[in-house]
PDB file of N, CA and C in Angstrom:
ATOM      1  N   MET A   1      13.974   9.402  28.137  1.00  0.00           N
ATOM      2  CA  MET A   1      12.597   9.497  27.697  1.00  0.00           C
ATOM      3  C   MET A   1      12.183   8.125  27.160  1.00  0.00           C
ATOM      4  N   PRO A   2      11.031   7.601  27.582  1.00  0.00           N
ATOM      5  CA  PRO A   2      10.586   6.300  27.098  1.00  0.00           C
ATOM      6  C   PRO A   2      10.250   6.349  25.611  1.00  0.00           C
ATOM      7  N   ARG A   3      10.528   5.265  24.948  1.00  0.00           N
ATOM      8  CA  ARG A   3      10.269   5.179  23.520  1.00  0.00           C
ATOM      9  C   ARG A   3       8.810   4.795  23.281  1.00  0.00           C
ATOM     10  N   ARG A   4       8.181   5.464  22.313  1.00  0.00           N
ATOM     11  CA  ARG A   4       6.801   5.146  21.958  1.00  0.00           C
ATOM     12  C   ARG A   4       6.765   3.881  21.112  1.00  0.00           C
ATOM     13  N   ASN A   5       5.692   3.131  21.240  1.00  0.00           N
ATOM     14  CA  ASN A   5       5.466   2.023  20.329  1.00  0.00           C
ATOM     15  C   ASN A   5       5.030   2.611  18.996  1.00  0.00           C
ATOM     16  N   VAL A   6       5.663   2.183  17.929  1.00  0.00           N
ATOM     17  CA  VAL A   6       5.329   2.670  16.600  1.00  0.00           C
ATOM     18  C   VAL A   6       4.762   1.498  15.807  1.00  0.00           C
ATOM     19  N   PHE A   7       3.608   1.710  15.202  1.00  0.00           N
ATOM     20  CA  PHE A   7       2.985   0.677  14.396  1.00  0.00           C
ATOM     21  C   PHE A   7       3.850   0.380  13.182  1.00  0.00           C
ATOM     22  N   ASP A   8       4.108  -0.881  12.931  1.00  0.00           N
ATOM     23  CA  ASP A   8       4.880  -1.302  11.764  1.00  0.00           C
ATOM     24  C   ASP A   8       3.998  -2.221  10.928  1.00  0.00           C
ATOM     25  N   PRO A   9       3.513  -1.749   9.763  1.00  0.00           N
ATOM     26  CA  PRO A   9       2.612  -2.556   8.949  1.00  0.00           C
ATOM     27  C   PRO A   9       3.278  -3.787   8.332  1.00  0.00           C
ATOM     28  N   LEU A  10       4.595  -3.890   8.451  1.00  0.00           N
ATOM     29  CA  LEU A  10       5.313  -5.016   7.858  1.00  0.00           C
ATOM     30  C   LEU A  10       5.725  -6.072   8.872  1.00  0.00           C
ATOM     31  N   GLU A  11       5.319  -5.891  10.127  1.00  0.00           N
ATOM     32  CA  GLU A  11       5.613  -6.894  11.142  1.00  0.00           C
ATOM     33  C   GLU A  11       4.769  -8.143  10.893  1.00  0.00           C
ATOM     34  N   PRO A  12       5.273  -9.307  11.316  1.00  0.00           N
ATOM     35  CA  PRO A  12       4.483 -10.535  11.151  1.00  0.00           C
ATOM     36  C   PRO A  12       3.115 -10.400  11.822  1.00  0.00           C
ATOM     37  N   THR A  13       2.102 -10.992  11.191  1.00  0.00           N
ATOM     38  CA  THR A  13       0.740 -10.908  11.715  1.00  0.00           C
ATOM     39  C   THR A  13       0.010 -12.222  11.460  1.00  0.00           C
ATOM     40  N   HIS A  14      -0.991 -12.464  12.256  1.00  0.00           N
ATOM     41  CA  HIS A  14      -1.822 -13.649  12.071  1.00  0.00           C
ATOM     42  C   HIS A  14      -3.038 -13.327  11.207  1.00  0.00           C
ATOM     43  N   GLU A  15      -3.101 -12.108  10.715  1.00  0.00           N
ATOM     44  CA  GLU A  15      -4.198 -11.660   9.859  1.00  0.00           C
ATOM     45  C   GLU A  15      -3.704 -11.571   8.416  1.00  0.00           C
ATOM     46  N   PRO A  16      -4.590 -11.795   7.442  1.00  0.00           N
ATOM     47  CA  PRO A  16      -4.176 -11.641   6.044  1.00  0.00           C
ATOM     48  C   PRO A  16      -3.920 -10.169   5.711  1.00  0.00           C
ATOM     49  N   ARG A  17      -3.132  -9.932   4.705  1.00  0.00           N
ATOM     50  CA  ARG A  17      -2.858  -8.599   4.175  1.00  0.00           C
ATOM     51  C   ARG A  17      -2.997  -8.671   2.658  1.00  0.00           C
ATOM     52  N   TRP A  18      -2.990  -7.519   2.006  1.00  0.00           N
ATOM     53  CA  TRP A  18      -3.076  -7.464   0.552  1.00  0.00           C
ATOM     54  C   TRP A  18      -1.942  -6.628   0.007  1.00  0.00           C
ATOM     55  N   HIS A  19      -1.409  -7.079  -1.113  1.00  0.00           N
ATOM     56  CA  HIS A  19      -0.417  -6.335  -1.887  1.00  0.00           C
ATOM     57  C   HIS A  19      -1.219  -5.671  -2.998  1.00  0.00           C
ATOM     58  N   VAL A  20      -1.245  -4.340  -3.023  1.00  0.00           N
ATOM     59  CA  VAL A  20      -2.086  -3.610  -3.963  1.00  0.00           C
ATOM     60  C   VAL A  20      -1.242  -2.622  -4.757  1.00  0.00           C
ATOM     61  N   ALA A  21      -1.422  -2.651  -6.077  1.00  0.00           N
ATOM     62  CA  ALA A  21      -0.790  -1.676  -6.964  1.00  0.00           C
ATOM     63  C   ALA A  21      -1.897  -0.806  -7.554  1.00  0.00           C
ATOM     64  N   ARG A  22      -1.715   0.496  -7.463  1.00  0.00           N
ATOM     65  CA  ARG A  22      -2.694   1.450  -7.995  1.00  0.00           C
ATOM     66  C   ARG A  22      -1.989   2.459  -8.885  1.00  0.00           C
ATOM     67  N   ASN A  23      -2.742   2.968  -9.874  1.00  0.00           N
ATOM     68  CA  ASN A  23      -2.197   4.100 -10.614  1.00  0.00           C
ATOM     69  C   ASN A  23      -2.479   5.346  -9.787  1.00  0.00           C
ATOM     70  N   MET A  24      -2.022   6.476 -10.229  1.00  0.00           N
ATOM     71  CA  MET A  24      -2.158   7.684  -9.416  1.00  0.00           C
ATOM     72  C   MET A  24      -3.556   8.303  -9.482  1.00  0.00           C
ATOM     73  N   HIS A  25      -4.461   7.626 -10.191  1.00  0.00           N
ATOM     74  CA  HIS A  25      -5.868   8.025 -10.166  1.00  0.00           C
ATOM     75  C   HIS A  25      -6.643   7.141  -9.199  1.00  0.00           C
ATOM     76  N   GLY A  26      -5.929   6.215  -8.534  1.00  0.00           N
ATOM     77  CA  GLY A  26      -6.548   5.338  -7.544  1.00  0.00           C
ATOM     78  C   GLY A  26      -7.094   4.037  -8.101  1.00  0.00           C
ATOM     79  N   ALA A  27      -7.009   3.838  -9.420  1.00  0.00           N
ATOM     80  CA  ALA A  27      -7.509   2.596 -10.015  1.00  0.00           C
ATOM     81  C   ALA A  27      -6.596   1.434  -9.632  1.00  0.00           C
ATOM     82  N   VAL A  28      -7.197   0.328  -9.245  1.00  0.00           N
ATOM     83  CA  VAL A  28      -6.433  -0.854  -8.854  1.00  0.00           C
ATOM     84  C   VAL A  28      -5.902  -1.544 -10.106  1.00  0.00           C
ATOM     85  N   LEU A  29      -4.587  -1.709 -10.157  1.00  0.00           N
ATOM     86  CA  LEU A  29      -3.940  -2.414 -11.261  1.00  0.00           C
ATOM     87  C   LEU A  29      -3.725  -3.879 -10.921  1.00  0.00           C
ATOM     88  N   GLU A  30      -3.483  -4.137  -9.654  1.00  0.00           N
ATOM     89  CA  GLU A  30      -3.248  -5.500  -9.166  1.00  0.00           C
ATOM     90  C   GLU A  30      -3.581  -5.548  -7.684  1.00  0.00           C
ATOM     91  N   SER A  31      -4.178  -6.640  -7.254  1.00  0.00           N
ATOM     92  CA  SER A  31      -4.453  -6.858  -5.840  1.00  0.00           C
ATOM     93  C   SER A  31      -4.252  -8.342  -5.570  1.00  0.00           C
ATOM     94  N   ARG A  32      -3.389  -8.622  -4.615  1.00  0.00           N
ATOM     95  CA  ARG A  32      -3.028 -10.010  -4.323  1.00  0.00           C
ATOM     96  C   ARG A  32      -3.153 -10.256  -2.824  1.00  0.00           C
ATOM     97  N   LEU A  33      -3.884 -11.315  -2.458  1.00  0.00           N
ATOM     98  CA  LEU A  33      -4.026 -11.699  -1.065  1.00  0.00           C
ATOM     99  C   LEU A  33      -2.712 -12.270  -0.557  1.00  0.00           C
ATOM    100  N   LEU A  34      -2.312 -11.820   0.627  1.00  0.00           N
ATOM    101  CA  LEU A  34      -1.127 -12.355   1.302  1.00  0.00           C
ATOM    102  C   LEU A  34      -1.618 -13.101   2.533  1.00  0.00           C
ATOM    103  N   LEU A  35      -1.340 -14.364   2.599  1.00  0.00           N
ATOM    104  CA  LEU A  35      -1.814 -15.176   3.710  1.00  0.00           C
ATOM    105  C   LEU A  35      -1.160 -14.757   5.018  1.00  0.00           C
ATOM    106  N   ALA A  36      -1.829 -15.089   6.110  1.00  0.00           N
ATOM    107  CA  ALA A  36      -1.274 -14.811   7.438  1.00  0.00           C
ATOM    108  C   ALA A  36       0.100 -15.447   7.530  1.00  0.00           C
ATOM    109  N   ALA A  37       0.998 -14.814   8.248  1.00  0.00           N
ATOM    110  CA  ALA A  37       2.373 -15.272   8.471  1.00  0.00           C
ATOM    111  C   ALA A  37       3.271 -15.111   7.237  1.00  0.00           C
ATOM    112  N   THR A  38       2.809 -14.424   6.191  1.00  0.00           N
ATOM    113  CA  THR A  38       3.660 -14.102   5.047  1.00  0.00           C
ATOM    114  C   THR A  38       4.750 -13.140   5.498  1.00  0.00           C
ATOM    115  N   ASP A  39       5.943 -13.274   4.957  1.00  0.00           N
ATOM    116  CA  ASP A  39       7.043 -12.359   5.266  1.00  0.00           C
ATOM    117  C   ASP A  39       6.766 -11.034   4.545  1.00  0.00           C
ATOM    118  N   LEU A  40       6.114 -10.116   5.230  1.00  0.00           N
ATOM    119  CA  LEU A  40       5.686  -8.857   4.620  1.00  0.00           C
ATOM    120  C   LEU A  40       6.856  -7.971   4.214  1.00  0.00           C
ATOM    121  N   LYS A  41       7.950  -8.050   4.923  1.00  0.00           N
ATOM    122  CA  LYS A  41       9.119  -7.244   4.539  1.00  0.00           C
ATOM    123  C   LYS A  41       9.676  -7.712   3.201  1.00  0.00           C
ATOM    124  N   ARG A  42       9.702  -9.017   2.986  1.00  0.00           N
ATOM    125  CA  ARG A  42      10.154  -9.555   1.691  1.00  0.00           C
ATOM    126  C   ARG A  42       9.185  -9.148   0.583  1.00  0.00           C
ATOM    127  N   VAL A  43       7.876  -9.226   0.877  1.00  0.00           N
ATOM    128  CA  VAL A  43       6.864  -8.844  -0.113  1.00  0.00           C
ATOM    129  C   VAL A  43       6.963  -7.359  -0.438  1.00  0.00           C
ATOM    130  N   PHE A  44       7.397  -6.553   0.498  1.00  0.00           N
ATOM    131  CA  PHE A  44       7.553  -5.125   0.267  1.00  0.00           C
ATOM    132  C   PHE A  44       8.798  -4.825  -0.580  1.00  0.00           C
ATOM    133  N   VAL A  45       9.867  -5.583  -0.365  1.00  0.00           N
ATOM    134  CA  VAL A  45      11.132  -5.339  -1.077  1.00  0.00           C
ATOM    135  C   VAL A  45      11.111  -5.911  -2.497  1.00  0.00           C
ATOM    136  N   ALA A  46      10.590  -7.105  -2.686  1.00  0.00           N
ATOM    137  CA  ALA A  46      10.639  -7.779  -3.993  1.00  0.00           C
ATOM    138  C   ALA A  46      10.032  -6.947  -5.132  1.00  0.00           C
ATOM    139  N   PRO A  47       8.841  -6.358  -4.970  1.00  0.00           N
ATOM    140  CA  PRO A  47       8.296  -5.545  -6.064  1.00  0.00           C
ATOM    141  C   PRO A  47       9.136  -4.302  -6.369  1.00  0.00           C
ATOM    142  N   ARG A  48       9.805  -3.758  -5.360  1.00  0.00           N
ATOM    143  CA  ARG A  48      10.685  -2.610  -5.621  1.00  0.00           C
ATOM    144  C   ARG A  48      11.795  -3.024  -6.573  1.00  0.00           C
ATOM    145  N   LEU A  49      12.391  -4.179  -6.324  1.00  0.00           N
ATOM    146  CA  LEU A  49      13.455  -4.665  -7.203  1.00  0.00           C
ATOM    147  C   LEU A  49      12.920  -4.977  -8.597  1.00  0.00           C
ATOM    148  N   GLU A  50      11.724  -5.585  -8.669  1.00  0.00           N
ATOM    149  CA  GLU A  50      11.111  -5.901  -9.962  1.00  0.00           C
ATOM    150  C   GLU A  50      10.832  -4.623 -10.766  1.00  0.00           C
ATOM    151  N   HIS A  51      10.363  -3.589 -10.097  1.00  0.00           N
ATOM    152  CA  HIS A  51      10.095  -2.330 -10.801  1.00  0.00           C
ATOM    153  C   HIS A  51      11.393  -1.688 -11.287  1.00  0.00           C
ATOM    154  N   ILE A  52      12.436  -1.734 -10.485  1.00  0.00           N
ATOM    155  CA  ILE A  52      13.739  -1.202 -10.917  1.00  0.00           C
ATOM    156  C   ILE A  52      14.206  -1.955 -12.160  1.00  0.00           C
ATOM    157  N   ASP A  53      14.125  -3.292 -12.117  1.00  0.00           N
ATOM    158  CA  ASP A  53      14.530  -4.106 -13.269  1.00  0.00           C
ATOM    159  C   ASP A  53      13.674  -3.819 -14.495  1.00  0.00           C
ATOM    160  N   GLY A  54      12.422  -3.392 -14.286  1.00  0.00           N
ATOM    161  CA  GLY A  54      11.511  -3.084 -15.384  1.00  0.00           C
ATOM    162  C   GLY A  54      11.640  -1.665 -15.911  1.00  0.00           C
ATOM    163  N   GLY A  55      12.638  -0.928 -15.436  1.00  0.00           N
ATOM    164  CA  GLY A  55      12.868   0.419 -15.945  1.00  0.00           C
ATOM    165  C   GLY A  55      12.129   1.523 -15.200  1.00  0.00           C
ATOM    166  N   TRP A  56      11.529   1.193 -14.066  1.00  0.00           N
ATOM    167  CA  TRP A  56      10.835   2.198 -13.268  1.00  0.00           C
ATOM    168  C   TRP A  56      11.833   2.934 -12.388  1.00  0.00           C
ATOM    169  N   GLN A  57      11.551   4.191 -12.120  1.00  0.00           N
ATOM    170  CA  GLN A  57      12.331   4.987 -11.180  1.00  0.00           C
ATOM    171  C   GLN A  57      11.597   4.966  -9.850  1.00  0.00           C
ATOM    172  N   LEU A  58      12.292   4.553  -8.801  1.00  0.00           N
ATOM    173  CA  LEU A  58      11.658   4.560  -7.489  1.00  0.00           C
ATOM    174  C   LEU A  58      11.571   5.977  -6.964  1.00  0.00           C
ATOM    175  N   GLY A  59      10.440   6.277  -6.384  1.00  0.00           N
ATOM    176  CA  GLY A  59      10.228   7.563  -5.732  1.00  0.00           C
ATOM    177  C   GLY A  59      10.278   7.366  -4.238  1.00  0.00           C
ATOM    178  N   GLU A  60       9.504   8.140  -3.548  1.00  0.00           N
ATOM    179  CA  GLU A  60       9.483   8.052  -2.096  1.00  0.00           C
ATOM    180  C   GLU A  60       8.908   6.710  -1.655  1.00  0.00           C
ATOM    181  N   PHE A  61       9.395   6.246  -0.533  1.00  0.00           N
ATOM    182  CA  PHE A  61       8.868   5.010   0.037  1.00  0.00           C
ATOM    183  C   PHE A  61       9.054   5.060   1.537  1.00  0.00           C
ATOM    184  N   GLY A  62       8.269   4.252   2.210  1.00  0.00           N
ATOM    185  CA  GLY A  62       8.372   4.197   3.654  1.00  0.00           C
ATOM    186  C   GLY A  62       7.876   2.868   4.176  1.00  0.00           C
ATOM    187  N   SER A  63       8.732   2.200   4.922  1.00  0.00           N
ATOM    188  CA  SER A  63       8.308   0.935   5.503  1.00  0.00           C
ATOM    189  C   SER A  63       7.300   1.171   6.622  1.00  0.00           C
ATOM    190  N   ARG A  64       7.314   2.347   7.243  1.00  0.00           N
ATOM    191  CA  ARG A  64       6.323   2.642   8.294  1.00  0.00           C
ATOM    192  C   ARG A  64       4.919   2.735   7.735  1.00  0.00           C
ATOM    193  N   GLY A  65       4.809   3.097   6.473  1.00  0.00           N
ATOM    194  CA  GLY A  65       3.501   3.157   5.834  1.00  0.00           C
ATOM    195  C   GLY A  65       3.226   1.949   4.969  1.00  0.00           C
ATOM    196  N   GLY A  66       4.253   1.152   4.707  1.00  0.00           N
ATOM    197  CA  GLY A  66       4.088  -0.016   3.855  1.00  0.00           C
ATOM    198  C   GLY A  66       3.728   0.355   2.430  1.00  0.00           C
ATOM    199  N   VAL A  67       4.310   1.452   1.922  1.00  0.00           N
ATOM    200  CA  VAL A  67       3.965   1.941   0.588  1.00  0.00           C
ATOM    201  C   VAL A  67       5.201   2.495  -0.108  1.00  0.00           C
ATOM    202  N   PHE A  68       5.242   2.344  -1.445  1.00  0.00           N
ATOM    203  CA  PHE A  68       6.263   3.034  -2.233  1.00  0.00           C
ATOM    204  C   PHE A  68       5.652   3.505  -3.539  1.00  0.00           C
ATOM    205  N   PHE A  69       6.287   4.496  -4.125  1.00  0.00           N
ATOM    206  CA  PHE A  69       5.847   5.083  -5.380  1.00  0.00           C
ATOM    207  C   PHE A  69       6.936   4.871  -6.420  1.00  0.00           C
ATOM    208  N   CYS A  70       6.528   4.724  -7.673  1.00  0.00           N
ATOM    209  CA  CYS A  70       7.499   4.591  -8.755  1.00  0.00           C
ATOM    210  C   CYS A  70       6.909   5.224 -10.016  1.00  0.00           C
ATOM    211  N   ALA A  71       7.792   5.568 -10.943  1.00  0.00           N
ATOM    212  CA  ALA A  71       7.355   6.216 -12.175  1.00  0.00           C
ATOM    213  C   ALA A  71       8.185   5.710 -13.347  1.00  0.00           C
ATOM    214  N   ARG A  72       7.526   5.648 -14.501  1.00  0.00           N
ATOM    215  CA  ARG A  72       8.194   5.329 -15.766  1.00  0.00           C
ATOM    216  C   ARG A  72       7.511   6.181 -16.817  1.00  0.00           C
ATOM    217  N   GLY A  73       8.279   7.111 -17.387  1.00  0.00           N
ATOM    218  CA  GLY A  73       7.676   8.064 -18.309  1.00  0.00           C
ATOM    219  C   GLY A  73       6.655   8.902 -17.571  1.00  0.00           C
ATOM    220  N   THR A  74       5.429   8.950 -18.097  1.00  0.00           N
ATOM    221  CA  THR A  74       4.372   9.732 -17.454  1.00  0.00           C
ATOM    222  C   THR A  74       3.506   8.887 -16.518  1.00  0.00           C
ATOM    223  N   GLU A  75       3.768   7.590 -16.462  1.00  0.00           N
ATOM    224  CA  GLU A  75       2.987   6.701 -15.592  1.00  0.00           C
ATOM    225  C   GLU A  75       3.592   6.667 -14.197  1.00  0.00           C
ATOM    226  N   ARG A  76       2.737   6.752 -13.198  1.00  0.00           N
ATOM    227  CA  ARG A  76       3.174   6.705 -11.805  1.00  0.00           C
ATOM    228  C   ARG A  76       2.306   5.710 -11.060  1.00  0.00           C
ATOM    229  N   ARG A  77       2.911   4.934 -10.174  1.00  0.00           N
ATOM    230  CA  ARG A  77       2.188   3.909  -9.414  1.00  0.00           C
ATOM    231  C   ARG A  77       2.455   4.031  -7.926  1.00  0.00           C
ATOM    232  N   MET A  78       1.493   3.531  -7.163  1.00  0.00           N
ATOM    233  CA  MET A  78       1.633   3.410  -5.723  1.00  0.00           C
ATOM    234  C   MET A  78       1.455   1.929  -5.397  1.00  0.00           C
ATOM    235  N   ILE A  79       2.437   1.336  -4.736  1.00  0.00           N
ATOM    236  CA  ILE A  79       2.400  -0.066  -4.355  1.00  0.00           C
ATOM    237  C   ILE A  79       2.346  -0.109  -2.833  1.00  0.00           C
ATOM    238  N   SER A  80       1.386  -0.877  -2.286  1.00  0.00           N
ATOM    239  CA  SER A  80       1.243  -0.888  -0.830  1.00  0.00           C
ATOM    240  C   SER A  80       0.886  -2.274  -0.293  1.00  0.00           C
ATOM    241  N   ILE A  81       1.182  -2.444   0.977  1.00  0.00           N
ATOM    242  CA  ILE A  81       0.742  -3.603   1.747  1.00  0.00           C
ATOM    243  C   ILE A  81      -0.354  -3.074   2.658  1.00  0.00           C
ATOM    244  N   THR A  82      -1.569  -3.599   2.522  1.00  0.00           N
ATOM    245  CA  THR A  82      -2.698  -3.059   3.271  1.00  0.00           C
ATOM    246  C   THR A  82      -3.435  -4.145   4.061  1.00  0.00           C
ATOM    247  N   PRO A  83      -4.115  -3.751   5.142  1.00  0.00           N
ATOM    248  CA  PRO A  83      -4.879  -4.728   5.930  1.00  0.00           C
ATOM    249  C   PRO A  83      -6.254  -5.030   5.345  1.00  0.00           C
ATOM    250  N   THR A  84      -6.668  -4.293   4.304  1.00  0.00           N
ATOM    251  CA  THR A  84      -7.968  -4.536   3.692  1.00  0.00           C
ATOM    252  C   THR A  84      -7.804  -4.752   2.198  1.00  0.00           C
ATOM    253  N   ALA A  85      -8.726  -5.511   1.623  1.00  0.00           N
ATOM    254  CA  ALA A  85      -8.698  -5.766   0.184  1.00  0.00           C
ATOM    255  C   ALA A  85      -8.970  -4.470  -0.571  1.00  0.00           C
ATOM    256  N   ALA A  86      -8.457  -4.388  -1.783  1.00  0.00           N
ATOM    257  CA  ALA A  86      -8.702  -3.208  -2.617  1.00  0.00           C
ATOM    258  C   ALA A  86     -10.201  -3.035  -2.794  1.00  0.00           C
ATOM    259  N   GLY A  87     -10.676  -1.827  -2.600  1.00  0.00           N
ATOM    260  CA  GLY A  87     -12.093  -1.555  -2.738  1.00  0.00           C
ATOM    261  C   GLY A  87     -12.861  -1.636  -1.435  1.00  0.00           C
ATOM    262  N   GLN A  88     -12.260  -2.212  -0.394  1.00  0.00           N
ATOM    263  CA  GLN A  88     -12.909  -2.263   0.904  1.00  0.00           C
ATOM    264  C   GLN A  88     -12.385  -1.112   1.749  1.00  0.00           C
ATOM    265  N   SER A  89     -13.244  -0.579   2.571  1.00  0.00           N
ATOM    266  CA  SER A  89     -12.839   0.505   3.450  1.00  0.00           C
ATOM    267  C   SER A  89     -12.499  -0.042   4.818  1.00  0.00           C
ATOM    268  N   GLY A  90     -11.463   0.518   5.405  1.00  0.00           N
ATOM    269  CA  GLY A  90     -11.167   0.206   6.791  1.00  0.00           C
ATOM    270  C   GLY A  90     -12.013   1.101   7.686  1.00  0.00           C
ATOM    271  N   ARG A  91     -11.918   0.915   8.980  1.00  0.00           N
ATOM    272  CA  ARG A  91     -12.711   1.726   9.907  1.00  0.00           C
ATOM    273  C   ARG A  91     -12.361   3.198   9.815  1.00  0.00           C
ATOM    274  N   MET A  92     -11.117   3.515   9.459  1.00  0.00           N
ATOM    275  CA  MET A  92     -10.681   4.907   9.424  1.00  0.00           C
ATOM    276  C   MET A  92     -10.980   5.580   8.088  1.00  0.00           C
ATOM    277  N   ALA A  93     -11.421   4.836   7.102  1.00  0.00           N
ATOM    278  CA  ALA A  93     -11.559   5.379   5.748  1.00  0.00           C
ATOM    279  C   ALA A  93     -12.355   6.678   5.667  1.00  0.00           C
ATOM    280  N   PRO A  94     -13.504   6.817   6.339  1.00  0.00           N
ATOM    281  CA  PRO A  94     -14.238   8.078   6.205  1.00  0.00           C
ATOM    282  C   PRO A  94     -13.435   9.285   6.679  1.00  0.00           C
ATOM    283  N   HIS A  95     -12.507   9.090   7.599  1.00  0.00           N
ATOM    284  CA  HIS A  95     -11.692  10.201   8.076  1.00  0.00           C
ATOM    285  C   HIS A  95     -10.530  10.486   7.136  1.00  0.00           C
ATOM    286  N   ILE A  96     -10.056   9.450   6.447  1.00  0.00           N
ATOM    287  CA  ILE A  96      -8.923   9.607   5.551  1.00  0.00           C
ATOM    288  C   ILE A  96      -9.359  10.186   4.219  1.00  0.00           C
ATOM    289  N   TYR A  97     -10.501   9.731   3.725  1.00  0.00           N
ATOM    290  CA  TYR A  97     -10.990  10.150   2.419  1.00  0.00           C
ATOM    291  C   TYR A  97     -12.194  11.063   2.607  1.00  0.00           C
ATOM    292  N   PRO A  98     -11.965  12.359   2.632  1.00  0.00           N
ATOM    293  CA  PRO A  98     -13.082  13.275   2.856  1.00  0.00           C
ATOM    294  C   PRO A  98     -14.071  13.245   1.693  1.00  0.00           C
ATOM    295  N   THR A  99     -15.266  13.682   1.975  1.00  0.00           N
ATOM    296  CA  THR A  99     -16.291  13.714   0.942  1.00  0.00           C
ATOM    297  C   THR A  99     -16.025  14.890   0.000  1.00  0.00           C
ATOM    298  N   HIS A 100     -16.556  14.760  -1.172  1.00  0.00           N
ATOM    299  CA  HIS A 100     -16.538  15.858  -2.141  1.00  0.00           C
ATOM    300  C   HIS A 100     -17.760  15.677  -3.015  1.00  0.00           C
ATOM    301  N   PRO A 101     -18.151  16.678  -3.805  1.00  0.00           N
ATOM    302  CA  PRO A 101     -19.376  16.575  -4.601  1.00  0.00           C
ATOM    303  C   PRO A 101     -19.367  15.316  -5.455  1.00  0.00           C
ATOM    304  N   GLY A 102     -20.494  14.608  -5.445  1.00  0.00           N
ATOM    305  CA  GLY A 102     -20.631  13.396  -6.255  1.00  0.00           C
ATOM    306  C   GLY A 102     -20.134  12.143  -5.576  1.00  0.00           C
ATOM    307  N   ARG A 103     -19.689  12.267  -4.335  1.00  0.00           N
ATOM    308  CA  ARG A 103     -19.156  11.100  -3.616  1.00  0.00           C
ATOM    309  C   ARG A 103     -19.744  11.073  -2.214  1.00  0.00           C
ATOM    310  N   GLU A 104     -20.293   9.926  -1.860  1.00  0.00           N
ATOM    311  CA  GLU A 104     -20.857   9.779  -0.524  1.00  0.00           C
ATOM    312  C   GLU A 104     -19.744   9.523   0.481  1.00  0.00           C
ATOM    313  N   LYS A 105     -19.929   9.943   1.706  1.00  0.00           N
ATOM    314  CA  LYS A 105     -18.932   9.717   2.759  1.00  0.00           C
ATOM    315  C   LYS A 105     -18.718   8.221   2.944  1.00  0.00           C
ATOM    316  N   GLY A 106     -17.454   7.803   2.939  1.00  0.00           N
ATOM    317  CA  GLY A 106     -17.105   6.402   3.160  1.00  0.00           C
ATOM    318  C   GLY A 106     -17.049   5.597   1.874  1.00  0.00           C
ATOM    319  N   ASP A 107     -17.373   6.172   0.712  1.00  0.00           N
ATOM    320  CA  ASP A 107     -17.262   5.434  -0.543  1.00  0.00           C
ATOM    321  C   ASP A 107     -15.821   5.236  -0.935  1.00  0.00           C
TER     322      ASP A 107
END
């Protein structure tokens, strides 16, 4: 059976990416521009080690999604490598984030 091509968000790219840390309410705690040709796999691994050293417990993570979760006490964070800056929507955003009362589609 032929193997499917699987998108890998950590593969080298000629486009910029962002390293974004959010709390579990979606608030951006940190957002850092990663220049084109940055070693995204290294950028994905280094914060995991820093969080472990800082007393955080690593939760689920996936290199296919370019995201990991960690917790310390009652605080929980999501750290991701994304193709768009924090606060900007990608083309798929309206499908990913459904509307609910008080929120316009695509916000």
